[in-house]
């Protein structure tokens, strides 16, 4: 009995998707879905990037990403001027 609301919600969503596909066409439905996915992804990514835990992890990882001076390529000498 407790799964009835979730099952009913899934049924209603399927019905809405079917009606949108019928009225708007498959391509319009795909564009709308992609837009919603992009907005959701942007919101989640923004939340992750602004989280204190993420900021601390990135600050800790920063020094490990700096190359050692010995591993950097040596600059080339400038060619002689004729």
PDB file of N, CA and C in Angstrom:
ATOM      1  N   UNK A   1       0.810  -1.194   0.000  1.00  0.00           N
ATOM      2  CA  UNK A   1       0.000   0.000   0.000  1.00  0.00           C
ATOM      3  C   UNK A   1       0.858   1.264   0.000  1.00  0.00           C
ATOM      4  N   UNK A   2       2.050   1.194   0.623  1.00  0.00           N
ATOM      5  CA  UNK A   2       2.893   2.384   0.695  1.00  0.00           C
ATOM      6  C   UNK A   2       3.519   2.737  -0.651  1.00  0.00           C
ATOM      7  N   UNK A   3       3.592   1.803  -1.595  1.00  0.00           N
ATOM      8  CA  UNK A   3       4.160   2.102  -2.915  1.00  0.00           C
ATOM      9  C   UNK A   3       3.124   2.647  -3.888  1.00  0.00           C
ATOM     10  N   UNK A   4       1.886   2.727  -3.462  1.00  0.00           N
ATOM     11  CA  UNK A   4       0.835   3.211  -4.355  1.00  0.00           C
ATOM     12  C   UNK A   4       1.081   4.636  -4.828  1.00  0.00           C
ATOM     13  N   UNK A   5       1.437   5.608  -3.961  1.00  0.00           N
ATOM     14  CA  UNK A   5       1.682   6.957  -4.473  1.00  0.00           C
ATOM     15  C   UNK A   5       2.831   7.004  -5.484  1.00  0.00           C
ATOM     16  N   UNK A   6       3.906   6.272  -5.244  1.00  0.00           N
ATOM     17  CA  UNK A   6       5.027   6.266  -6.183  1.00  0.00           C
ATOM     18  C   UNK A   6       4.619   5.634  -7.511  1.00  0.00           C
ATOM     19  N   UNK A   7       3.865   4.563  -7.448  1.00  0.00           N
ATOM     20  CA  UNK A   7       3.407   3.891  -8.658  1.00  0.00           C
ATOM     21  C   UNK A   7       2.453   4.793  -9.432  1.00  0.00           C
ATOM     22  N   UNK A   8       1.569   5.463  -8.729  1.00  0.00           N
ATOM     23  CA  UNK A   8       0.624   6.381  -9.362  1.00  0.00           C
ATOM     24  C   UNK A   8       1.366   7.546 -10.016  1.00  0.00           C
ATOM     25  N   UNK A   9       2.382   8.047  -9.340  1.00  0.00           N
ATOM     26  CA  UNK A   9       3.178   9.138  -9.893  1.00  0.00           C
ATOM     27  C   UNK A   9       3.877   8.696 -11.174  1.00  0.00           C
ATOM     28  N   UNK A  10       4.451   7.501 -11.182  1.00  0.00           N
ATOM     29  CA  UNK A  10       5.096   6.979 -12.390  1.00  0.00           C
ATOM     30  C   UNK A  10       4.103   6.845 -13.529  1.00  0.00           C
ATOM     31  N   UNK A  11       2.898   6.394 -13.225  1.00  0.00           N
ATOM     32  CA  UNK A  11       1.868   6.248 -14.243  1.00  0.00           C
ATOM     33  C   UNK A  11       1.483   7.611 -14.815  1.00  0.00           C
ATOM     34  N   UNK A  12       1.332   8.601 -13.963  1.00  0.00           N
ATOM     35  CA  UNK A  12       0.980   9.946 -14.431  1.00  0.00           C
ATOM     36  C   UNK A  12       2.097  10.551 -15.283  1.00  0.00           C
ATOM     37  N   UNK A  13       3.339  10.328 -14.894  1.00  0.00           N
ATOM     38  CA  UNK A  13       4.464  10.847 -15.678  1.00  0.00           C
ATOM     39  C   UNK A  13       4.498  10.184 -17.056  1.00  0.00           C
ATOM     40  N   UNK A  14       4.292   8.882 -17.095  1.00  0.00           N
ATOM     41  CA  UNK A  14       4.261   8.173 -18.375  1.00  0.00           C
ATOM     42  C   UNK A  14       3.139   8.700 -19.262  1.00  0.00           C
ATOM     43  N   UNK A  15       1.971   8.967 -18.671  1.00  0.00           N
ATOM     44  CA  UNK A  15       0.843   9.513 -19.425  1.00  0.00           C
ATOM     45  C   UNK A  15       1.172  10.901 -19.964  1.00  0.00           C
ATOM     46  N   UNK A  16       1.790  11.732 -19.151  1.00  0.00           N
ATOM     47  CA  UNK A  16       2.168  13.079 -19.600  1.00  0.00           C
ATOM     48  C   UNK A  16       3.201  13.015 -20.725  1.00  0.00           C
ATOM     49  N   UNK A  17       4.169  12.125 -20.599  1.00  0.00           N
ATOM     50  CA  UNK A  17       5.168  11.972 -21.657  1.00  0.00           C
ATOM     51  C   UNK A  17       4.515  11.524 -22.961  1.00  0.00           C
ATOM     52  N   UNK A  18       3.575  10.604 -22.858  1.00  0.00           N
ATOM     53  CA  UNK A  18       2.871  10.128 -24.048  1.00  0.00           C
ATOM     54  C   UNK A  18       2.089  11.267 -24.706  1.00  0.00           C
ATOM     55  N   UNK A  19       1.376  12.041 -23.898  1.00  0.00           N
ATOM     56  CA  UNK A  19       0.583  13.151 -24.453  1.00  0.00           C
ATOM     57  C   UNK A  19       1.492  14.214 -25.060  1.00  0.00           C
ATOM     58  N   UNK A  20       2.607  14.524 -24.414  1.00  0.00           N
ATOM     59  CA  UNK A  20       3.529  15.518 -24.960  1.00  0.00           C
ATOM     60  C   UNK A  20       4.115  15.044 -26.275  1.00  0.00           C
ATOM     61  N   UNK A  21       4.439  13.766 -26.348  1.00  0.00           N
ATOM     62  CA  UNK A  21       4.987  13.209 -27.589  1.00  0.00           C
ATOM     63  C   UNK A  21       3.950  13.271 -28.702  1.00  0.00           C
ATOM     64  N   UNK A  22       2.701  12.986 -28.361  1.00  0.00           N
ATOM     65  CA  UNK A  22       1.622  13.014 -29.351  1.00  0.00           C
ATOM     66  C   UNK A  22       1.371  14.436 -29.838  1.00  0.00           C
ATOM     67  N   UNK A  23       1.303  15.395 -28.930  1.00  0.00           N
ATOM     68  CA  UNK A  23       0.974  16.768 -29.299  1.00  0.00           C
ATOM     69  C   UNK A  23       2.152  17.522 -29.899  1.00  0.00           C
ATOM     70  N   UNK A  24       3.353  17.346 -29.351  1.00  0.00           N
ATOM     71  CA  UNK A  24       4.487  18.155 -29.770  1.00  0.00           C
ATOM     72  C   UNK A  24       5.431  17.441 -30.726  1.00  0.00           C
ATOM     73  N   UNK A  25       5.396  16.141 -30.719  1.00  0.00           N
ATOM     74  CA  UNK A  25       6.318  15.365 -31.543  1.00  0.00           C
ATOM     75  C   UNK A  25       7.518  14.924 -30.729  1.00  0.00           C
ATOM     76  N   UNK A  26       8.189  13.940 -31.227  1.00  0.00           N
ATOM     77  CA  UNK A  26       9.309  13.336 -30.524  1.00  0.00           C
ATOM     78  C   UNK A  26      10.491  14.293 -30.369  1.00  0.00           C
ATOM     79  N   UNK A  27      10.781  15.069 -31.421  1.00  0.00           N
ATOM     80  CA  UNK A  27      11.929  15.974 -31.373  1.00  0.00           C
ATOM     81  C   UNK A  27      11.745  17.054 -30.320  1.00  0.00           C
ATOM     82  N   UNK A  28      10.565  17.634 -30.235  1.00  0.00           N
ATOM     83  CA  UNK A  28      10.302  18.681 -29.244  1.00  0.00           C
ATOM     84  C   UNK A  28      10.428  18.117 -27.831  1.00  0.00           C
ATOM     85  N   UNK A  29       9.968  16.909 -27.639  1.00  0.00           N
ATOM     86  CA  UNK A  29      10.067  16.273 -26.334  1.00  0.00           C
ATOM     87  C   UNK A  29      11.530  16.024 -25.975  1.00  0.00           C
ATOM     88  N   UNK A  30      12.335  15.603 -26.948  1.00  0.00           N
ATOM     89  CA  UNK A  30      13.758  15.382 -26.706  1.00  0.00           C
ATOM     90  C   UNK A  30      14.470  16.678 -26.338  1.00  0.00           C
ATOM     91  N   UNK A  31      14.140  17.772 -27.020  1.00  0.00           N
ATOM     92  CA  UNK A  31      14.755  19.070 -26.728  1.00  0.00           C
ATOM     93  C   UNK A  31      14.366  19.528 -25.328  1.00  0.00           C
ATOM     94  N   UNK A  32      13.097  19.385 -24.976  1.00  0.00           N
ATOM     95  CA  UNK A  32      12.643  19.786 -23.643  1.00  0.00           C
ATOM     96  C   UNK A  32      13.323  18.960 -22.561  1.00  0.00           C
ATOM     97  N   UNK A  33      13.445  17.675 -22.773  1.00  0.00           N
ATOM     98  CA  UNK A  33      14.100  16.804 -21.788  1.00  0.00           C
ATOM     99  C   UNK A  33      15.569  17.165 -21.647  1.00  0.00           C
ATOM    100  N   UNK A  34      16.246  17.426 -22.756  1.00  0.00           N
ATOM    101  CA  UNK A  34      17.668  17.791 -22.702  1.00  0.00           C
ATOM    102  C   UNK A  34      17.863  19.104 -21.964  1.00  0.00           C
ATOM    103  N   UNK A  35      16.966  20.062 -22.183  1.00  0.00           N
ATOM    104  CA  UNK A  35      17.053  21.346 -21.484  1.00  0.00           C
ATOM    105  C   UNK A  35      16.892  21.156 -19.988  1.00  0.00           C
ATOM    106  N   UNK A  36      15.936  20.351 -19.586  1.00  0.00           N
ATOM    107  CA  UNK A  36      15.726  20.107 -18.165  1.00  0.00           C
ATOM    108  C   UNK A  36      16.923  19.385 -17.555  1.00  0.00           C
ATOM    109  N   UNK A  37      17.487  18.432 -18.283  1.00  0.00           N
ATOM    110  CA  UNK A  37      18.667  17.707 -17.789  1.00  0.00           C
ATOM    111  C   UNK A  37      19.835  18.671 -17.637  1.00  0.00           C
ATOM    112  N   UNK A  38      20.044  19.539 -18.641  1.00  0.00           N
ATOM    113  CA  UNK A  38      21.139  20.501 -18.576  1.00  0.00           C
ATOM    114  C   UNK A  38      20.988  21.439 -17.384  1.00  0.00           C
ATOM    115  N   UNK A  39      19.778  21.926 -17.135  1.00  0.00           N
ATOM    116  CA  UNK A  39      19.535  22.824 -16.008  1.00  0.00           C
ATOM    117  C   UNK A  39      19.779  22.107 -14.682  1.00  0.00           C
ATOM    118  N   UNK A  40      19.343  20.866 -14.572  1.00  0.00           N
ATOM    119  CA  UNK A  40      19.542  20.095 -13.346  1.00  0.00           C
ATOM    120  C   UNK A  40      21.025  19.827 -13.122  1.00  0.00           C
ATOM    121  N   UNK A  41      21.730  19.463 -14.178  1.00  0.00           N
ATOM    122  CA  UNK A  41      23.160  19.213 -14.070  1.00  0.00           C
ATOM    123  C   UNK A  41      23.899  20.479 -13.653  1.00  0.00           C
ATOM    124  N   UNK A  42      23.539  21.612 -14.243  1.00  0.00           N
ATOM    125  CA  UNK A  42      24.174  22.891 -13.897  1.00  0.00           C
ATOM    126  C   UNK A  42      23.928  23.226 -12.431  1.00  0.00           C
ATOM    127  N   UNK A  43      22.721  23.009 -11.954  1.00  0.00           N
ATOM    128  CA  UNK A  43      22.383  23.305 -10.559  1.00  0.00           C
ATOM    129  C   UNK A  43      23.188  22.416  -9.613  1.00  0.00           C
ATOM    130  N   UNK A  44      23.289  21.127  -9.940  1.00  0.00           N
ATOM    131  CA  UNK A  44      24.031  20.201  -9.079  1.00  0.00           C
ATOM    132  C   UNK A  44      25.529  20.509  -9.093  1.00  0.00           C
ATOM    133  N   UNK A  45      26.061  20.824 -10.276  1.00  0.00           N
ATOM    134  CA  UNK A  45      27.476  21.147 -10.385  1.00  0.00           C
ATOM    135  C   UNK A  45      27.792  22.426  -9.612  1.00  0.00           C
ATOM    136  N   UNK A  46      26.943  23.424  -9.726  1.00  0.00           N
ATOM    137  CA  UNK A  46      27.141  24.674  -8.999  1.00  0.00           C
ATOM    138  C   UNK A  46      27.115  24.425  -7.493  1.00  0.00           C
ATOM    139  N   UNK A  47      26.197  23.588  -7.052  1.00  0.00           N
ATOM    140  CA  UNK A  47      26.124  23.243  -5.631  1.00  0.00           C
ATOM    141  C   UNK A  47      27.380  22.530  -5.170  1.00  0.00           C
ATOM    142  N   UNK A  48      27.903  21.643  -5.990  1.00  0.00           N
ATOM    143  CA  UNK A  48      29.115  20.907  -5.625  1.00  0.00           C
ATOM    144  C   UNK A  48      30.315  21.839  -5.565  1.00  0.00           C
ATOM    145  N   UNK A  49      30.421  22.740  -6.557  1.00  0.00           N
ATOM    146  CA  UNK A  49      31.572  23.631  -6.600  1.00  0.00           C
ATOM    147  C   UNK A  49      31.570  24.642  -5.459  1.00  0.00           C
ATOM    148  N   UNK A  50      30.428  25.023  -4.968  1.00  0.00           N
ATOM    149  CA  UNK A  50      30.356  26.016  -3.900  1.00  0.00           C
ATOM    150  C   UNK A  50      30.359  25.395  -2.509  1.00  0.00           C
ATOM    151  N   UNK A  51      30.365  24.089  -2.421  1.00  0.00           N
ATOM    152  CA  UNK A  51      30.372  23.424  -1.118  1.00  0.00           C
ATOM    153  C   UNK A  51      31.733  23.593  -0.450  1.00  0.00           C
ATOM    154  N   UNK A  52      31.734  23.795   0.862  1.00  0.00           N
ATOM    155  CA  UNK A  52      32.980  23.952   1.616  1.00  0.00           C
ATOM    156  C   UNK A  52      33.870  22.717   1.500  1.00  0.00           C
ATOM    157  N   UNK A  53      33.272  21.556   1.524  1.00  0.00           N
ATOM    158  CA  UNK A  53      34.048  20.314   1.440  1.00  0.00           C
ATOM    159  C   UNK A  53      34.801  20.243   0.112  1.00  0.00           C
ATOM    160  N   UNK A  54      34.152  20.641  -0.981  1.00  0.00           N
ATOM    161  CA  UNK A  54      34.799  20.630  -2.292  1.00  0.00           C
ATOM    162  C   UNK A  54      35.935  21.637  -2.332  1.00  0.00           C
ATOM    163  N   UNK A  55      35.688  22.826  -1.796  1.00  0.00           N
ATOM    164  CA  UNK A  55      36.714  23.875  -1.779  1.00  0.00           C
ATOM    165  C   UNK A  55      37.951  23.402  -1.022  1.00  0.00           C
ATOM    166  N   UNK A  56      37.746  22.785   0.130  1.00  0.00           N
ATOM    167  CA  UNK A  56      38.878  22.291   0.925  1.00  0.00           C
ATOM    168  C   UNK A  56      39.642  21.189   0.171  1.00  0.00           C
ATOM    169  N   UNK A  57      38.905  20.294  -0.472  1.00  0.00           N
ATOM    170  CA  UNK A  57      39.552  19.207  -1.222  1.00  0.00           C
ATOM    171  C   UNK A  57      40.371  19.761  -2.379  1.00  0.00           C
ATOM    172  N   UNK A  58      39.857  20.750  -3.087  1.00  0.00           N
ATOM    173  CA  UNK A  58      40.592  21.335  -4.206  1.00  0.00           C
ATOM    174  C   UNK A  58      41.826  22.086  -3.721  1.00  0.00           C
ATOM    175  N   UNK A  59      41.714  22.778  -2.589  1.00  0.00           N
ATOM    176  CA  UNK A  59      42.874  23.483  -2.036  1.00  0.00           C
ATOM    177  C   UNK A  59      43.954  22.506  -1.580  1.00  0.00           C
ATOM    178  N   UNK A  60      43.565  21.361  -1.031  1.00  0.00           N
ATOM    179  CA  UNK A  60      44.531  20.340  -0.623  1.00  0.00           C
ATOM    180  C   UNK A  60      45.208  19.721  -1.848  1.00  0.00           C
ATOM    181  N   UNK A  61      44.473  19.563  -2.930  1.00  0.00           N
ATOM    182  CA  UNK A  61      45.016  18.914  -4.130  1.00  0.00           C
ATOM    183  C   UNK A  61      45.912  19.853  -4.932  1.00  0.00           C
ATOM    184  N   UNK A  62      45.754  21.145  -4.776  1.00  0.00           N
ATOM    185  CA  UNK A  62      46.511  22.117  -5.561  1.00  0.00           C
ATOM    186  C   UNK A  62      48.009  21.921  -5.540  1.00  0.00           C
ATOM    187  N   UNK A  63      48.646  21.856  -4.359  1.00  0.00           N
ATOM    188  CA  UNK A  63      50.105  21.693  -4.337  1.00  0.00           C
ATOM    189  C   UNK A  63      50.574  20.412  -5.015  1.00  0.00           C
ATOM    190  N   UNK A  64      49.792  19.383  -4.972  1.00  0.00           N
ATOM    191  CA  UNK A  64      50.187  18.124  -5.605  1.00  0.00           C
ATOM    192  C   UNK A  64      50.174  18.237  -7.129  1.00  0.00           C
ATOM    193  N   UNK A  65      49.486  19.206  -7.661  1.00  0.00           N
ATOM    194  CA  UNK A  65      49.391  19.360  -9.114  1.00  0.00           C
ATOM    195  C   UNK A  65      50.519  20.199  -9.695  1.00  0.00           C
ATOM    196  N   UNK A  66      51.270  20.889  -8.835  1.00  0.00           N
ATOM    197  CA  UNK A  66      52.374  21.715  -9.328  1.00  0.00           C
ATOM    198  C   UNK A  66      53.541  20.803  -9.722  1.00  0.00           C
ATOM    199  N   UNK A  67      54.108  20.995 -10.909  1.00  0.00           N
ATOM    200  CA  UNK A  67      55.233  20.148 -11.326  1.00  0.00           C
ATOM    201  C   UNK A  67      56.509  20.541 -10.576  1.00  0.00           C
ATOM    202  N   UNK A  68      57.374  19.587 -10.412  1.00  0.00           N
ATOM    203  CA  UNK A  68      58.693  19.839  -9.809  1.00  0.00           C
ATOM    204  C   UNK A  68      59.517  20.636 -10.811  1.00  0.00           C
ATOM    205  N   UNK A  69      60.347  21.586 -10.342  1.00  0.00           N
ATOM    206  CA  UNK A  69      61.165  22.375 -11.290  1.00  0.00           C
ATOM    207  C   UNK A  69      62.051  21.513 -12.180  1.00  0.00           C
ATOM    208  N   UNK A  70      62.554  20.400 -11.665  1.00  0.00           N
ATOM    209  CA  UNK A  70      63.428  19.543 -12.467  1.00  0.00           C
ATOM    210  C   UNK A  70      62.674  18.871 -13.614  1.00  0.00           C
ATOM    211  N   UNK A  71      61.357  18.738 -13.473  1.00  0.00           N
ATOM    212  CA  UNK A  71      60.594  18.065 -14.529  1.00  0.00           C
ATOM    213  C   UNK A  71      60.112  19.024 -15.611  1.00  0.00           C
ATOM    214  N   UNK A  72      60.327  20.324 -15.418  1.00  0.00           N
ATOM    215  CA  UNK A  72      59.910  21.296 -16.428  1.00  0.00           C
ATOM    216  C   UNK A  72      60.905  21.314 -17.578  1.00  0.00           C
ATOM    217  N   UNK A  73      60.435  21.500 -18.797  1.00  0.00           N
ATOM    218  CA  UNK A  73      61.372  21.558 -19.925  1.00  0.00           C
ATOM    219  C   UNK A  73      62.224  22.826 -19.837  1.00  0.00           C
ATOM    220  N   UNK A  74      63.462  22.709 -20.292  1.00  0.00           N
ATOM    221  CA  UNK A  74      64.345  23.876 -20.296  1.00  0.00           C
ATOM    222  C   UNK A  74      63.978  24.777 -21.461  1.00  0.00           C
ATOM    223  N   UNK A  75      64.044  26.084 -21.253  1.00  0.00           N
ATOM    224  CA  UNK A  75      63.757  26.985 -22.382  1.00  0.00           C
ATOM    225  C   UNK A  75      64.834  26.858 -23.448  1.00  0.00           C
ATOM    226  N   UNK A  76      64.424  26.986 -24.677  1.00  0.00           N
ATOM    227  CA  UNK A  76      65.364  26.913 -25.792  1.00  0.00           C
ATOM    228  C   UNK A  76      66.055  28.245 -25.963  1.00  0.00           C
ATOM    229  N   UNK A  77      67.266  28.163 -26.417  1.00  0.00           N
ATOM    230  CA  UNK A  77      68.018  29.404 -26.693  1.00  0.00           C
ATOM    231  C   UNK A  77      67.417  30.043 -27.943  1.00  0.00           C
ATOM    232  N   UNK A  78      67.422  31.361 -27.939  1.00  0.00           N
ATOM    233  CA  UNK A  78      66.915  32.089 -29.090  1.00  0.00           C
ATOM    234  C   UNK A  78      67.851  31.883 -30.268  1.00  0.00           C
ATOM    235  N   UNK A  79      67.318  31.784 -31.479  1.00  0.00           N
ATOM    236  CA  UNK A  79      68.195  31.608 -32.649  1.00  0.00           C
ATOM    237  C   UNK A  79      69.031  32.862 -32.853  1.00  0.00           C
ATOM    238  N   UNK A  80      70.229  32.702 -33.390  1.00  0.00           N
ATOM    239  CA  UNK A  80      71.091  33.865 -33.600  1.00  0.00           C
ATOM    240  C   UNK A  80      70.471  34.822 -34.605  1.00  0.00           C
ATOM    241  N   UNK A  81      70.704  36.085 -34.373  1.00  0.00           N
ATOM    242  CA  UNK A  81      70.175  37.127 -35.273  1.00  0.00           C
ATOM    243  C   UNK A  81      71.164  37.280 -36.419  1.00  0.00           C
ATOM    244  N   UNK A  82      70.715  37.217 -37.663  1.00  0.00           N
ATOM    245  CA  UNK A  82      71.650  37.331 -38.802  1.00  0.00           C
ATOM    246  C   UNK A  82      72.161  38.735 -39.000  1.00  0.00           C
TER     247      UNK A  82
END
